[in-house]
Amino acid sequence: MRFFLIPFLVSLMAVLTACNSEDDNYSGVGKLIADRNKMRYQLAEETGNNKGKTEASNQSIDSVSKDASERLARKKELLTNGLDEKQIVIVDSSSGEPLGQGVAYVNQKGEIIKIKLSN
């Protein structure tokens, strides 16, 4: 009986020492989680206090989403229509000096859809 007890105790000690070293590696995780949760609660309280400010920001978000939808509609138009490329030169109206060059993408109606400037 003693013969089996000694190897069992030695292996038990080895397992316990291995467990202790793993616990040391994760000892700060609980504190990090607690700090993160505190910050979440603080941010939730601050956003709750700023509900009056969010109405103004919602209006700006609506205008941004409207601009994005207009851009998407333009991109669809670029993809679906057969566009003509026309070389353009941008000229200052007062002095007549050329300011830049590029390509204008014109749809079948003759409307400029997009202007791409070149260096």
C-alpha atoms as a PDB file:
ATOM      1  CA  MET A   1       0.000   0.000   0.000  1.00  0.00           C
ATOM      2  CA  ARG A   2       2.828   2.388   0.835  1.00  0.00           C
ATOM      3  CA  PHE A   3       4.427   1.569  -2.491  1.00  0.00           C
ATOM      4  CA  PHE A   4       1.407   3.017  -4.387  1.00  0.00           C
ATOM      5  CA  LEU A   5       0.930   5.958  -2.022  1.00  0.00           C
ATOM      6  CA  ILE A   6       4.362   7.522  -2.572  1.00  0.00           C
ATOM      7  CA  PRO A   7       4.126   7.855  -6.421  1.00  0.00           C
ATOM      8  CA  PHE A   8       0.568   9.136  -6.044  1.00  0.00           C
ATOM      9  CA  LEU A   9       1.690  11.878  -3.636  1.00  0.00           C
ATOM     10  CA  VAL A  10       4.618  12.848  -5.866  1.00  0.00           C
ATOM     11  CA  SER A  11       2.385  13.149  -8.926  1.00  0.00           C
ATOM     12  CA  LEU A  12      -0.194  15.105  -6.898  1.00  0.00           C
ATOM     13  CA  MET A  13       2.501  17.585  -5.824  1.00  0.00           C
ATOM     14  CA  ALA A  14       3.633  18.021  -9.434  1.00  0.00           C
ATOM     15  CA  VAL A  15       0.082  18.731 -10.556  1.00  0.00           C
ATOM     16  CA  LEU A  16      -0.481  21.259  -7.762  1.00  0.00           C
ATOM     17  CA  THR A  17       2.694  23.181  -8.551  1.00  0.00           C
ATOM     18  CA  ALA A  18       1.756  23.281 -12.235  1.00  0.00           C
ATOM     19  CA  CYS A  19      -1.678  24.661 -11.361  1.00  0.00           C
ATOM     20  CA  ASN A  20      -0.179  27.414  -9.237  1.00  0.00           C
ATOM     21  CA  SER A  21       2.009  28.683 -12.065  1.00  0.00           C
ATOM     22  CA  GLU A  22      -0.970  28.844 -14.441  1.00  0.00           C
ATOM     23  CA  ASP A  23      -3.008  30.780 -11.895  1.00  0.00           C
ATOM     24  CA  ASP A  24      -0.226  33.337 -11.645  1.00  0.00           C
ATOM     25  CA  ASN A  25      -0.397  33.940 -15.390  1.00  0.00           C
ATOM     26  CA  TYR A  26      -4.093  34.852 -15.189  1.00  0.00           C
ATOM     27  CA  SER A  27      -4.130  36.680 -11.875  1.00  0.00           C
ATOM     28  CA  GLY A  28      -4.823  40.167 -13.351  1.00  0.00           C
ATOM     29  CA  VAL A  29      -7.627  39.158 -15.682  1.00  0.00           C
ATOM     30  CA  GLY A  30     -10.384  39.597 -13.113  1.00  0.00           C
ATOM     31  CA  LYS A  31      -9.239  43.143 -12.337  1.00  0.00           C
ATOM     32  CA  LEU A  32      -9.117  44.008 -16.039  1.00  0.00           C
ATOM     33  CA  ILE A  33     -12.668  42.738 -16.543  1.00  0.00           C
ATOM     34  CA  ALA A  34     -13.907  44.671 -13.523  1.00  0.00           C
ATOM     35  CA  ASP A  35     -12.272  47.892 -14.795  1.00  0.00           C
ATOM     36  CA  ARG A  36     -13.777  47.379 -18.239  1.00  0.00           C
ATOM     37  CA  ASN A  37     -17.247  46.919 -16.756  1.00  0.00           C
ATOM     38  CA  LYS A  38     -16.876  50.103 -14.674  1.00  0.00           C
ATOM     39  CA  MET A  39     -15.968  52.059 -17.808  1.00  0.00           C
ATOM     40  CA  ARG A  40     -18.985  50.621 -19.628  1.00  0.00           C
ATOM     41  CA  TYR A  41     -21.317  51.748 -16.861  1.00  0.00           C
ATOM     42  CA  GLN A  42     -19.755  55.218 -16.802  1.00  0.00           C
ATOM     43  CA  LEU A  43     -20.124  55.577 -20.563  1.00  0.00           C
ATOM     44  CA  ALA A  44     -23.727  54.396 -20.399  1.00  0.00           C
ATOM     45  CA  GLU A  45     -24.500  57.033 -17.748  1.00  0.00           C
ATOM     46  CA  GLU A  46     -22.818  59.765 -19.808  1.00  0.00           C
ATOM     47  CA  THR A  47     -24.792  58.862 -22.912  1.00  0.00           C
ATOM     48  CA  GLY A  48     -27.954  58.824 -20.833  1.00  0.00           C
ATOM     49  CA  ASN A  49     -27.208  62.389 -19.717  1.00  0.00           C
ATOM     50  CA  ASN A  50     -26.546  63.522 -23.290  1.00  0.00           C
ATOM     51  CA  LYS A  51     -29.896  62.482 -24.801  1.00  0.00           C
ATOM     52  CA  GLY A  52     -30.681  66.103 -25.658  1.00  0.00           C
ATOM     53  CA  LYS A  53     -27.478  66.316 -27.656  1.00  0.00           C
ATOM     54  CA  THR A  54     -28.208  63.125 -29.581  1.00  0.00           C
ATOM     55  CA  GLU A  55     -31.234  64.640 -31.304  1.00  0.00           C
ATOM     56  CA  ALA A  56     -28.964  67.146 -33.057  1.00  0.00           C
ATOM     57  CA  SER A  57     -26.499  64.417 -33.921  1.00  0.00           C
ATOM     58  CA  ASN A  58     -29.340  62.281 -35.340  1.00  0.00           C
ATOM     59  CA  GLN A  59     -30.162  65.104 -37.757  1.00  0.00           C
ATOM     60  CA  SER A  60     -26.551  65.235 -38.903  1.00  0.00           C
ATOM     61  CA  ILE A  61     -26.546  61.438 -39.295  1.00  0.00           C
ATOM     62  CA  ASP A  62     -29.687  61.709 -41.452  1.00  0.00           C
ATOM     63  CA  SER A  63     -27.985  64.244 -43.729  1.00  0.00           C
ATOM     64  CA  VAL A  64     -24.890  62.037 -43.958  1.00  0.00           C
ATOM     65  CA  SER A  65     -26.976  58.992 -44.857  1.00  0.00           C
ATOM     66  CA  LYS A  66     -28.827  61.065 -47.470  1.00  0.00           C
ATOM     67  CA  ASP A  67     -25.489  62.093 -49.017  1.00  0.00           C
ATOM     68  CA  ALA A  68     -24.351  58.474 -48.992  1.00  0.00           C
ATOM     69  CA  SER A  69     -27.526  57.346 -50.752  1.00  0.00           C
ATOM     70  CA  GLU A  70     -27.041  60.050 -53.394  1.00  0.00           C
ATOM     71  CA  ARG A  71     -23.468  58.849 -53.967  1.00  0.00           C
ATOM     72  CA  LEU A  72     -24.711  55.294 -54.285  1.00  0.00           C
ATOM     73  CA  ALA A  73     -27.310  56.384 -56.854  1.00  0.00           C
ATOM     74  CA  ARG A  74     -24.564  58.157 -58.822  1.00  0.00           C
ATOM     75  CA  LYS A  75     -22.370  55.063 -58.759  1.00  0.00           C
ATOM     76  CA  LYS A  76     -25.272  52.959 -60.032  1.00  0.00           C
ATOM     77  CA  GLU A  77     -25.777  55.459 -62.818  1.00  0.00           C
ATOM     78  CA  LEU A  78     -22.085  55.239 -63.672  1.00  0.00           C
ATOM     79  CA  LEU A  79     -22.271  51.470 -63.897  1.00  0.00           C
ATOM     80  CA  THR A  80     -25.524  51.178 -65.812  1.00  0.00           C
ATOM     81  CA  ASN A  81     -25.134  53.962 -68.382  1.00  0.00           C
ATOM     82  CA  GLY A  82     -22.691  53.972 -71.206  1.00  0.00           C
ATOM     83  CA  LEU A  83     -20.609  57.011 -70.356  1.00  0.00           C
ATOM     84  CA  ASP A  84     -18.441  59.009 -72.673  1.00  0.00           C
ATOM     85  CA  GLU A  85     -15.039  60.241 -71.506  1.00  0.00           C
ATOM     86  CA  LYS A  86     -14.123  63.772 -72.443  1.00  0.00           C
ATOM     87  CA  GLN A  87     -10.771  65.415 -71.767  1.00  0.00           C
ATOM     88  CA  ILE A  88     -11.238  68.702 -69.908  1.00  0.00           C
ATOM     89  CA  VAL A  89      -9.075  71.639 -68.891  1.00  0.00           C
ATOM     90  CA  ILE A  90     -10.093  73.730 -65.908  1.00  0.00           C
ATOM     91  CA  VAL A  91      -9.427  77.420 -66.592  1.00  0.00           C
ATOM     92  CA  ASP A  92      -9.524  80.397 -64.221  1.00  0.00           C
ATOM     93  CA  SER A  93     -12.311  82.686 -65.456  1.00  0.00           C
ATOM     94  CA  SER A  94     -10.618  85.934 -64.461  1.00  0.00           C
ATOM     95  CA  SER A  95      -7.080  85.349 -65.737  1.00  0.00           C
ATOM     96  CA  GLY A  96      -7.640  82.599 -68.293  1.00  0.00           C
ATOM     97  CA  GLU A  97      -4.837  80.449 -66.829  1.00  0.00           C
ATOM     98  CA  PRO A  98      -5.291  76.688 -66.850  1.00  0.00           C
ATOM     99  CA  LEU A  99      -5.648  75.348 -63.308  1.00  0.00           C
ATOM    100  CA  GLY A 100      -5.909  71.644 -63.969  1.00  0.00           C
ATOM    101  CA  GLN A 101      -6.738  68.839 -66.336  1.00  0.00           C
ATOM    102  CA  GLY A 102      -8.861  65.762 -66.081  1.00  0.00           C
ATOM    103  CA  VAL A 103     -11.543  63.559 -67.522  1.00  0.00           C
ATOM    104  CA  ALA A 104     -15.274  64.263 -67.425  1.00  0.00           C
ATOM    105  CA  TYR A 105     -17.687  61.354 -67.596  1.00  0.00           C
ATOM    106  CA  VAL A 106     -20.784  62.406 -69.521  1.00  0.00           C
ATOM    107  CA  ASN A 107     -23.999  60.378 -69.787  1.00  0.00           C
ATOM    108  CA  GLN A 108     -26.135  60.002 -72.901  1.00  0.00           C
ATOM    109  CA  LYS A 109     -28.124  63.147 -72.052  1.00  0.00           C
ATOM    110  CA  GLY A 110     -24.940  65.222 -72.047  1.00  0.00           C
ATOM    111  CA  GLU A 111     -24.888  65.735 -68.264  1.00  0.00           C
ATOM    112  CA  ILE A 112     -21.581  65.555 -66.426  1.00  0.00           C
ATOM    113  CA  ILE A 113     -21.757  62.672 -63.970  1.00  0.00           C
ATOM    114  CA  LYS A 114     -18.245  62.664 -62.582  1.00  0.00           C
ATOM    115  CA  ILE A 115     -15.034  64.617 -63.006  1.00  0.00           C
ATOM    116  CA  LYS A 116     -11.710  62.943 -62.347  1.00  0.00           C
ATOM    117  CA  LEU A 117      -8.736  65.284 -62.017  1.00  0.00           C
ATOM    118  CA  SER A 118      -5.282  64.194 -63.102  1.00  0.00           C
ATOM    119  CA  ASN A 119      -2.012  65.462 -61.714  1.00  0.00           C
END
